[in-house]
Amino acid sequence: MKLFSFTTVKDEADIIESFVRYNLNILDGMVISDNCSNDNTYDILLKLKEEGLNIYLLKDEDAYFDQTEKRQYLMDYTFKEFNPDIVFPLDADEFIAAYDNVNPRKIIETLDLNQLHKYRFENYVISKSDNEKELFIPKRMKTRRILVNNNSYVLKTIIPKAIYDKGVILLMGAHNLEKNNNHELISSVLNNELFLAHFPVRSNIQIINKVIVGRLSNSSLHDRKENLGFHQYDVLDYYLKNGKIDSSEIIDISKRYGIKTEDKIKRCIHSPLSVEFCKNIKLKYTKNVNNELLLANTVKLSETIINRMRTKINKLEEDSKELMNEIELLKRDNNQLNMYIASIENSKSWKITKPLRNLKSIVKK
C-alpha cells in the first residue's frame, strides 16, 4: 500500500524538519508546497530532499493564500503524479498517531479503501515541564487537552484513491469532502484507533508570528467567512494590547487555542506522543526561532497584501471603464435603432400597408 501526504507551508522553520522526519516513518512520500516563506523553511526542505528523504517540493510564488484552492491543487497533483492508495492532508504542525502507540501505518493498512475515513484532531499543549530547548517537536508533545464535550472534537479526512476518483472537492481545513457535481458531502466513517496530534502553540515568538501573518492573510480574502481564523483573534488582540506574551501566559494561550466560546477544557492529561517506532529523527538543520524575523515577516506580508489590493483595485477600475464604454455603445446603438424604427413607421409605405398587416394578423388568429 502506498501512502502519501500533501502540505502547504509558510514560515515553519522551527517544526518543518520534525514534521518530515516523524511522518516519513508512516508515509511513503510527502508533497510539500512552500508558500513564500520568509524564514529558512524552504532551505531546510531542500536539505532534507538532498539527504534522500522522499519529499517532493513545489515552490508557490503566489503569496495570496486561498487555502481551499491551494489544497485542492495539491490533492489533485498528489493523486495524479504518484498514484497513492491513500492520501493525508496535513499541516506542518500535525503528526499522524495511534492511541495504542504502535506505528499508525499498521492500522492504516487495514482501512477500507472504498470508504472515506476521518480521525480526531487532538491538541497538545505547553506545560510547565515542557522543554522548549528540545528541537524535535514530537518529544515535546507530552500533554494532551481533553474537552468536556467529546462531540466538539475536530475531525480530519483520510482519502483513499477510490473515493478521489469519483470526483471530489476538499473543503476548508480538510475536514470534509464533497462531490464536485452537486456539492453533496461524501459519507465517512470515524476511525477510533488513529488521531492527528496537533501542536499549534510552541513558543511566544512562534505564535505571535503565526497570528499576525494569519490575521493579515484572512483579512485580505474578499470572500472570507465571518469566523475564519477566530482562534487567532484573541491571541492577537492580547498581544496588541500588551505588546508582549510572556512565558507564563503562553501556557494558558496554548490550552485555550482553537477552542470556541461554548467549549470547555475538561482536563489536560499526560499522554506523550510515541516516537518508539521512529527511525532517522535526529535533527540536522533546525535552529531556534529567530526573534528578529517576526517584524520582517509581518512587513513583507503586509507589503504583499497592499500590492495585491492595489492590483485588484486597478483591475476593477479598468473593468469599470470598459463596462461604461460598452454601456455607452449600447445606448448609442439603441438610440440609432429607435430612430431607424421611427423612420420606418413614419414612412408612406408603412402607413399604406398597415391595413394589410392588420388583416393578416386577424387571419392568423
Protein backbone atom coordinates (compact mmCIF):
# COMPACT_ATOMS: atom_id res chain seq x y z
CA MET A 1 0.00 0.00 0.00
CA LYS A 2 1.34 3.41 -0.98
CA LEU A 3 0.68 6.25 1.48
CA PHE A 4 1.28 9.92 0.66
CA SER A 5 0.54 13.29 2.24
CA PHE A 6 0.34 16.82 0.90
CA THR A 7 1.02 20.07 2.76
CA THR A 8 1.36 23.77 2.12
CA VAL A 9 3.80 25.55 4.43
CA LYS A 10 4.88 29.09 5.26
CA ASP A 11 7.48 30.12 7.85
CA GLU A 12 7.63 26.78 9.68
CA ALA A 13 11.40 26.57 10.27
CA ASP A 14 11.04 25.55 13.93
CA ILE A 15 8.95 22.45 13.13
CA ILE A 16 9.32 21.50 9.46
CA GLU A 17 12.23 19.07 9.93
CA SER A 18 10.45 17.34 12.83
CA PHE A 19 7.27 17.14 10.73
CA VAL A 20 9.05 15.47 7.81
CA ARG A 21 11.26 13.07 9.77
CA TYR A 22 8.43 11.84 12.02
CA ASN A 23 5.72 11.39 9.37
CA LEU A 24 8.04 9.61 6.92
CA ASN A 25 8.14 6.74 9.42
CA ILE A 26 4.49 6.22 8.39
CA LEU A 27 4.24 7.56 4.84
CA ASP A 28 5.97 6.59 1.60
CA GLY A 29 6.15 10.15 0.33
CA MET A 30 5.24 13.75 1.14
CA VAL A 31 4.30 16.52 -1.29
CA ILE A 32 5.15 19.89 0.25
CA SER A 33 4.46 23.30 -1.30
CA ASP A 34 6.27 26.30 0.17
CA ASN A 35 4.13 29.43 0.03
CA CYS A 36 6.64 32.31 0.02
CA SER A 37 8.34 31.52 3.33
CA ASN A 38 10.45 34.36 4.70
CA ASP A 39 12.48 32.16 7.07
CA ASN A 40 14.65 29.17 6.09
CA THR A 41 11.77 26.66 5.79
CA TYR A 42 12.47 26.03 2.10
CA ASP A 43 16.23 25.68 2.68
CA ILE A 44 15.58 23.01 5.32
CA LEU A 45 13.27 21.16 2.94
CA LEU A 46 15.91 21.25 0.19
CA LYS A 47 18.49 19.78 2.56
CA LEU A 48 16.09 17.02 3.60
CA LYS A 49 15.46 16.20 -0.06
CA GLU A 50 19.19 16.21 -0.81
CA GLU A 51 19.63 13.82 2.13
CA GLY A 52 17.47 11.36 0.20
CA LEU A 53 14.18 11.65 2.06
CA ASN A 54 11.03 11.04 -0.01
CA ILE A 55 9.72 14.59 -0.20
CA TYR A 56 8.57 16.32 -3.37
CA LEU A 57 8.90 20.09 -3.27
CA LEU A 58 6.82 22.72 -5.03
CA LYS A 59 7.57 26.43 -4.76
CA ASP A 60 4.41 28.53 -4.67
CA GLU A 61 5.33 32.12 -5.61
CA ASP A 62 1.75 33.39 -5.21
CA ALA A 63 1.59 34.93 -1.71
CA TYR A 64 -2.21 35.13 -1.96
CA PHE A 65 -3.24 32.27 0.32
CA ASP A 66 -6.57 30.76 -0.62
CA GLN A 67 -6.36 27.60 1.47
CA THR A 68 -9.18 25.74 -0.29
CA GLU A 69 -7.87 26.41 -3.79
CA LYS A 70 -4.25 25.53 -2.98
CA ARG A 71 -5.14 22.33 -1.11
CA GLN A 72 -7.39 21.18 -3.95
CA TYR A 73 -4.50 21.67 -6.37
CA LEU A 74 -2.12 19.71 -4.12
CA MET A 75 -4.61 16.87 -3.68
CA ASP A 76 -5.07 16.61 -7.46
CA TYR A 77 -1.31 16.83 -8.03
CA THR A 78 -0.51 14.13 -5.44
CA PHE A 79 -3.02 11.60 -6.77
CA LYS A 80 -2.19 12.20 -10.43
CA GLU A 81 1.62 12.28 -10.08
CA PHE A 82 2.18 9.46 -7.59
CA ASN A 83 -0.97 7.30 -7.73
CA PRO A 84 -1.06 6.55 -3.98
CA ASP A 85 -3.68 4.29 -2.39
CA ILE A 86 -4.35 6.78 0.42
CA VAL A 87 -3.57 10.47 0.86
CA PHE A 88 -3.42 12.50 4.09
CA PRO A 89 -3.96 16.29 4.00
CA LEU A 90 -1.56 17.59 6.68
CA ASP A 91 -0.36 20.88 8.13
CA ALA A 92 3.22 21.31 9.30
CA ASP A 93 2.23 21.12 12.97
CA GLU A 94 0.38 17.80 12.60
CA PHE A 95 1.64 14.27 13.27
CA ILE A 96 -0.21 11.06 12.41
CA ALA A 97 -0.54 8.93 15.57
CA ALA A 98 -2.23 5.90 17.14
CA TYR A 99 -3.85 5.79 20.57
CA ASP A 100 -2.11 2.50 21.43
CA ASN A 101 1.31 3.97 20.46
CA VAL A 102 2.01 1.50 17.64
CA ASN A 103 3.18 2.67 14.24
CA PRO A 104 -0.03 4.14 12.73
CA ARG A 105 0.82 2.52 9.41
CA LYS A 106 -0.22 -0.88 10.80
CA ILE A 107 -3.74 0.49 11.36
CA ILE A 108 -3.86 2.47 8.10
CA GLU A 109 -3.11 -0.66 6.06
CA THR A 110 -6.31 -2.27 7.40
CA LEU A 111 -8.59 0.58 6.25
CA ASP A 112 -11.34 0.01 3.71
CA LEU A 113 -10.11 1.66 0.50
CA ASN A 114 -13.67 2.21 -0.73
CA GLN A 115 -14.63 4.40 2.23
CA LEU A 116 -13.76 7.96 3.26
CA HIS A 117 -12.27 7.89 6.75
CA LYS A 118 -11.98 10.55 9.44
CA TYR A 119 -9.93 10.72 12.62
CA ARG A 120 -9.81 13.01 15.62
CA PHE A 121 -7.73 16.13 15.87
CA GLU A 122 -6.02 16.02 19.29
CA ASN A 123 -4.40 19.22 20.58
CA TYR A 124 -1.17 19.05 22.53
CA VAL A 125 -0.38 21.97 24.81
CA ILE A 126 2.61 23.56 26.53
CA SER A 127 3.04 22.61 30.17
CA LYS A 128 5.32 23.88 32.95
CA SER A 129 7.58 20.89 32.45
CA ASP A 130 7.81 21.47 28.69
CA ASN A 131 11.39 21.72 27.46
CA GLU A 132 11.49 24.40 24.77
CA LYS A 133 15.16 23.59 24.11
CA GLU A 134 14.10 20.20 22.69
CA LEU A 135 14.07 20.88 18.94
CA PHE A 136 12.50 17.55 17.84
CA ILE A 137 8.89 18.65 18.36
CA PRO A 138 7.22 15.22 18.93
CA LYS A 139 9.40 14.76 22.03
CA ARG A 140 7.90 17.97 23.44
CA MET A 141 4.35 16.75 22.88
CA LYS A 142 3.53 15.26 26.28
CA THR A 143 0.35 17.00 27.47
CA ARG A 144 -2.93 16.46 25.65
CA ARG A 145 -6.05 18.59 26.08
CA ILE A 146 -9.39 16.87 26.78
CA LEU A 147 -12.62 18.81 26.16
CA VAL A 148 -15.83 18.43 28.17
CA ASN A 149 -17.88 17.82 25.05
CA ASN A 150 -16.32 14.96 23.13
CA ASN A 151 -18.55 15.74 20.11
CA SER A 152 -16.84 19.10 19.63
CA TYR A 153 -13.58 17.47 18.56
CA VAL A 154 -12.48 18.43 15.06
CA LEU A 155 -12.20 15.61 12.52
CA LYS A 156 -9.89 15.44 9.51
CA THR A 157 -10.07 13.32 6.39
CA ILE A 158 -8.12 10.26 5.22
CA ILE A 159 -8.71 9.98 1.46
CA PRO A 160 -8.45 6.68 -0.48
CA LYS A 161 -7.88 6.88 -4.23
CA ALA A 162 -11.18 5.11 -4.94
CA ILE A 163 -13.01 8.00 -3.27
CA TYR A 164 -10.93 10.64 -5.04
CA ASP A 165 -11.57 9.01 -8.43
CA LYS A 166 -15.31 9.67 -8.04
CA GLY A 167 -14.61 13.40 -8.39
CA VAL A 168 -14.38 15.31 -5.11
CA ILE A 169 -13.70 18.76 -3.69
CA LEU A 170 -11.69 19.12 -0.48
CA LEU A 171 -13.36 21.67 1.80
CA MET A 172 -11.76 24.26 4.09
CA GLY A 173 -9.47 22.75 6.70
CA ALA A 174 -9.61 19.30 5.04
CA HIS A 175 -12.48 18.40 7.40
CA ASN A 176 -14.86 17.23 4.65
CA LEU A 177 -15.09 16.14 1.03
CA GLU A 178 -17.98 16.87 -1.30
CA LYS A 179 -18.96 15.64 -4.74
CA ASN A 180 -17.87 18.10 -7.40
CA ASN A 181 -21.06 17.70 -9.44
CA ASN A 182 -23.68 18.52 -6.80
CA HIS A 183 -21.78 19.65 -3.66
CA GLU A 184 -23.16 16.76 -1.63
CA LEU A 185 -20.95 15.73 1.31
CA ILE A 186 -19.21 12.37 0.99
CA SER A 187 -20.28 9.94 3.72
CA SER A 188 -17.49 8.83 6.05
CA VAL A 189 -16.66 6.57 8.99
CA LEU A 190 -14.79 7.60 12.13
CA ASN A 191 -11.63 5.70 12.95
CA ASN A 192 -11.14 5.44 16.73
CA GLU A 193 -7.63 3.98 16.61
CA LEU A 194 -5.89 6.83 14.80
CA PHE A 195 -5.62 10.50 15.69
CA LEU A 196 -3.86 13.57 14.38
CA ALA A 197 -1.56 15.07 17.01
CA HIS A 198 -1.58 18.86 16.69
CA PHE A 199 0.92 21.22 18.36
CA PRO A 200 -0.02 24.74 17.19
CA VAL A 201 1.49 26.81 20.03
CA ARG A 202 5.19 26.13 20.62
CA SER A 203 6.65 29.44 21.81
CA ASN A 204 5.63 33.06 22.28
CA ILE A 205 7.61 34.25 19.25
CA GLN A 206 6.22 31.47 17.05
CA ILE A 207 2.58 32.11 17.98
CA ILE A 208 2.90 35.90 17.65
CA ASN A 209 4.23 35.47 14.13
CA LYS A 210 1.52 32.90 13.35
CA VAL A 211 -1.42 35.05 14.45
CA ILE A 212 -0.14 38.25 12.82
CA VAL A 213 0.51 36.59 9.47
CA GLY A 214 -2.72 34.56 9.73
CA ARG A 215 -4.85 37.60 10.59
CA LEU A 216 -3.42 39.65 7.73
CA SER A 217 -3.91 36.81 5.26
CA ASN A 218 -7.50 36.17 6.35
CA SER A 219 -8.36 39.88 6.30
CA SER A 220 -7.22 40.14 2.70
CA LEU A 221 -9.69 37.48 1.49
CA HIS A 222 -12.69 39.28 -0.02
CA ASP A 223 -14.93 36.20 0.35
CA ARG A 224 -13.79 35.08 3.81
CA LYS A 225 -16.32 33.60 6.21
CA GLU A 226 -17.16 35.56 9.34
CA ASN A 227 -15.48 33.20 11.83
CA LEU A 228 -12.45 32.34 9.68
CA GLY A 229 -9.36 32.43 11.89
CA PHE A 230 -11.38 33.03 15.08
CA HIS A 231 -8.77 31.12 17.10
CA GLN A 232 -6.14 33.73 16.23
CA TYR A 233 -8.13 36.87 17.04
CA ASP A 234 -7.99 36.66 20.85
CA VAL A 235 -4.27 35.96 20.82
CA LEU A 236 -3.56 38.88 18.51
CA ASP A 237 -5.82 41.24 20.45
CA TYR A 238 -3.99 40.31 23.65
CA TYR A 239 -0.61 40.91 22.01
CA LEU A 240 -1.66 44.27 20.54
CA LYS A 241 -2.99 45.39 23.92
CA ASN A 242 0.01 44.27 25.99
CA GLY A 243 2.83 44.43 23.45
CA LYS A 244 4.15 41.01 24.50
CA ILE A 245 3.27 37.47 25.51
CA ASP A 246 5.24 36.19 28.49
CA SER A 247 6.28 32.58 29.09
CA SER A 248 3.71 32.25 31.87
CA GLU A 249 0.91 33.48 29.59
CA ILE A 250 1.87 31.23 26.69
CA ILE A 251 0.81 28.15 28.71
CA ASP A 252 -2.76 29.42 29.07
CA ILE A 253 -2.85 30.55 25.43
CA SER A 254 -1.69 27.08 24.41
CA LYS A 255 -4.51 25.44 26.39
CA ARG A 256 -7.23 27.73 25.03
CA TYR A 257 -6.02 27.94 21.41
CA GLY A 258 -8.66 26.88 18.89
CA ILE A 259 -11.46 26.46 21.42
CA LYS A 260 -14.77 28.14 20.70
CA THR A 261 -16.53 30.08 23.45
CA GLU A 262 -19.08 27.34 24.11
CA ASP A 263 -16.41 24.66 24.58
CA LYS A 264 -14.66 23.93 27.86
CA ILE A 265 -11.49 22.07 28.82
CA LYS A 266 -12.20 19.03 30.97
CA ARG A 267 -8.57 18.44 31.87
CA CYS A 268 -5.07 18.16 30.45
CA ILE A 269 -3.54 14.70 30.68
CA HIS A 270 -0.01 13.35 30.49
CA SER A 271 -0.06 11.49 27.17
CA PRO A 272 3.35 11.61 25.45
CA LEU A 273 3.33 11.20 21.69
CA SER A 274 5.10 7.93 20.94
CA VAL A 275 8.29 8.06 18.89
CA GLU A 276 9.38 4.50 19.74
CA PHE A 277 8.63 3.25 16.23
CA CYS A 278 10.53 6.13 14.60
CA LYS A 279 13.92 5.98 12.90
CA ASN A 280 16.07 8.78 11.49
CA ILE A 281 14.69 11.50 13.78
CA LYS A 282 17.94 13.21 14.69
CA LEU A 283 17.65 16.83 13.58
CA LYS A 284 20.43 18.32 11.46
CA TYR A 285 19.14 21.62 10.10
CA THR A 286 16.78 23.12 12.69
CA LYS A 287 17.77 26.10 14.80
CA ASN A 288 15.99 28.08 17.49
CA VAL A 289 13.37 30.58 16.27
CA ASN A 290 14.92 33.90 15.29
CA ASN A 291 13.08 36.69 17.12
CA GLU A 292 14.26 39.27 14.60
CA LEU A 293 12.31 37.58 11.79
CA LEU A 294 8.95 38.42 13.37
CA LEU A 295 8.77 42.06 12.29
CA ALA A 296 10.44 41.35 8.94
CA ASN A 297 7.89 38.64 8.09
CA THR A 298 4.98 40.89 9.06
CA VAL A 299 6.27 43.80 6.98
CA LYS A 300 6.85 41.56 3.94
CA LEU A 301 3.37 40.07 4.13
CA SER A 302 1.77 43.48 4.67
CA GLU A 303 3.56 44.82 1.61
CA THR A 304 2.42 41.80 -0.43
CA ILE A 305 -1.21 42.26 0.63
CA ILE A 306 -1.14 46.01 -0.09
CA ASN A 307 0.34 45.44 -3.55
CA ARG A 308 -2.24 42.75 -4.28
CA MET A 309 -5.07 45.05 -3.20
CA ARG A 310 -3.65 47.84 -5.38
CA THR A 311 -3.52 45.49 -8.36
CA LYS A 312 -7.11 44.37 -7.75
CA ILE A 313 -8.33 47.98 -7.44
CA ASN A 314 -6.58 48.92 -10.70
CA LYS A 315 -8.15 45.91 -12.42
CA LEU A 316 -11.61 46.85 -11.07
CA GLU A 317 -11.16 50.42 -12.32
CA GLU A 318 -10.14 49.17 -15.77
CA ASP A 319 -13.08 46.75 -15.86
CA SER A 320 -15.42 49.54 -14.76
CA LYS A 321 -14.21 51.85 -17.54
CA GLU A 322 -14.59 49.08 -20.09
CA LEU A 323 -18.12 48.34 -18.85
CA MET A 324 -19.10 52.02 -19.01
CA ASN A 325 -17.80 52.21 -22.59
CA GLU A 326 -19.87 49.16 -23.52
CA ILE A 327 -22.95 50.71 -21.92
CA GLU A 328 -22.43 53.93 -23.86
CA LEU A 329 -22.08 51.97 -27.10
CA LEU A 330 -25.27 50.06 -26.33
CA LYS A 331 -27.10 53.31 -25.61
CA ARG A 332 -25.88 54.81 -28.86
CA ASP A 333 -26.82 51.68 -30.80
CA ASN A 334 -30.22 51.64 -29.09
CA ASN A 335 -30.83 55.28 -29.98
CA GLN A 336 -29.90 54.59 -33.60
CA LEU A 337 -32.22 51.58 -33.64
CA ASN A 338 -35.12 53.62 -32.22
CA MET A 339 -34.51 56.34 -34.79
CA TYR A 340 -34.48 53.77 -37.58
CA ILE A 341 -37.75 52.18 -36.35
CA ALA A 342 -39.36 55.60 -36.08
CA SER A 343 -38.32 56.48 -39.64
CA ILE A 344 -39.90 53.26 -40.95
CA GLU A 345 -43.14 53.80 -39.01
CA ASN A 346 -43.43 57.37 -40.39
CA SER A 347 -42.81 56.31 -43.96
CA LYS A 348 -45.68 56.32 -46.50
CA SER A 349 -45.19 52.66 -47.42
CA TRP A 350 -45.52 51.60 -43.74
CA LYS A 351 -48.72 53.59 -43.36
CA ILE A 352 -50.18 52.28 -46.62
CA THR A 353 -49.53 48.64 -45.72
CA LYS A 354 -50.89 48.97 -42.17
CA PRO A 355 -54.43 47.68 -43.11
CA LEU A 356 -52.90 44.64 -44.80
CA ARG A 357 -50.81 43.83 -41.71
CA ASN A 358 -53.88 44.12 -39.51
CA LEU A 359 -55.83 41.81 -41.81
CA LYS A 360 -53.01 39.28 -41.83
CA SER A 361 -52.89 39.19 -38.03
CA ILE A 362 -56.68 38.62 -37.88
CA VAL A 363 -56.45 35.73 -40.36
CA LYS A 364 -53.66 34.09 -38.31
CA LYS A 365 -55.83 34.19 -35.21
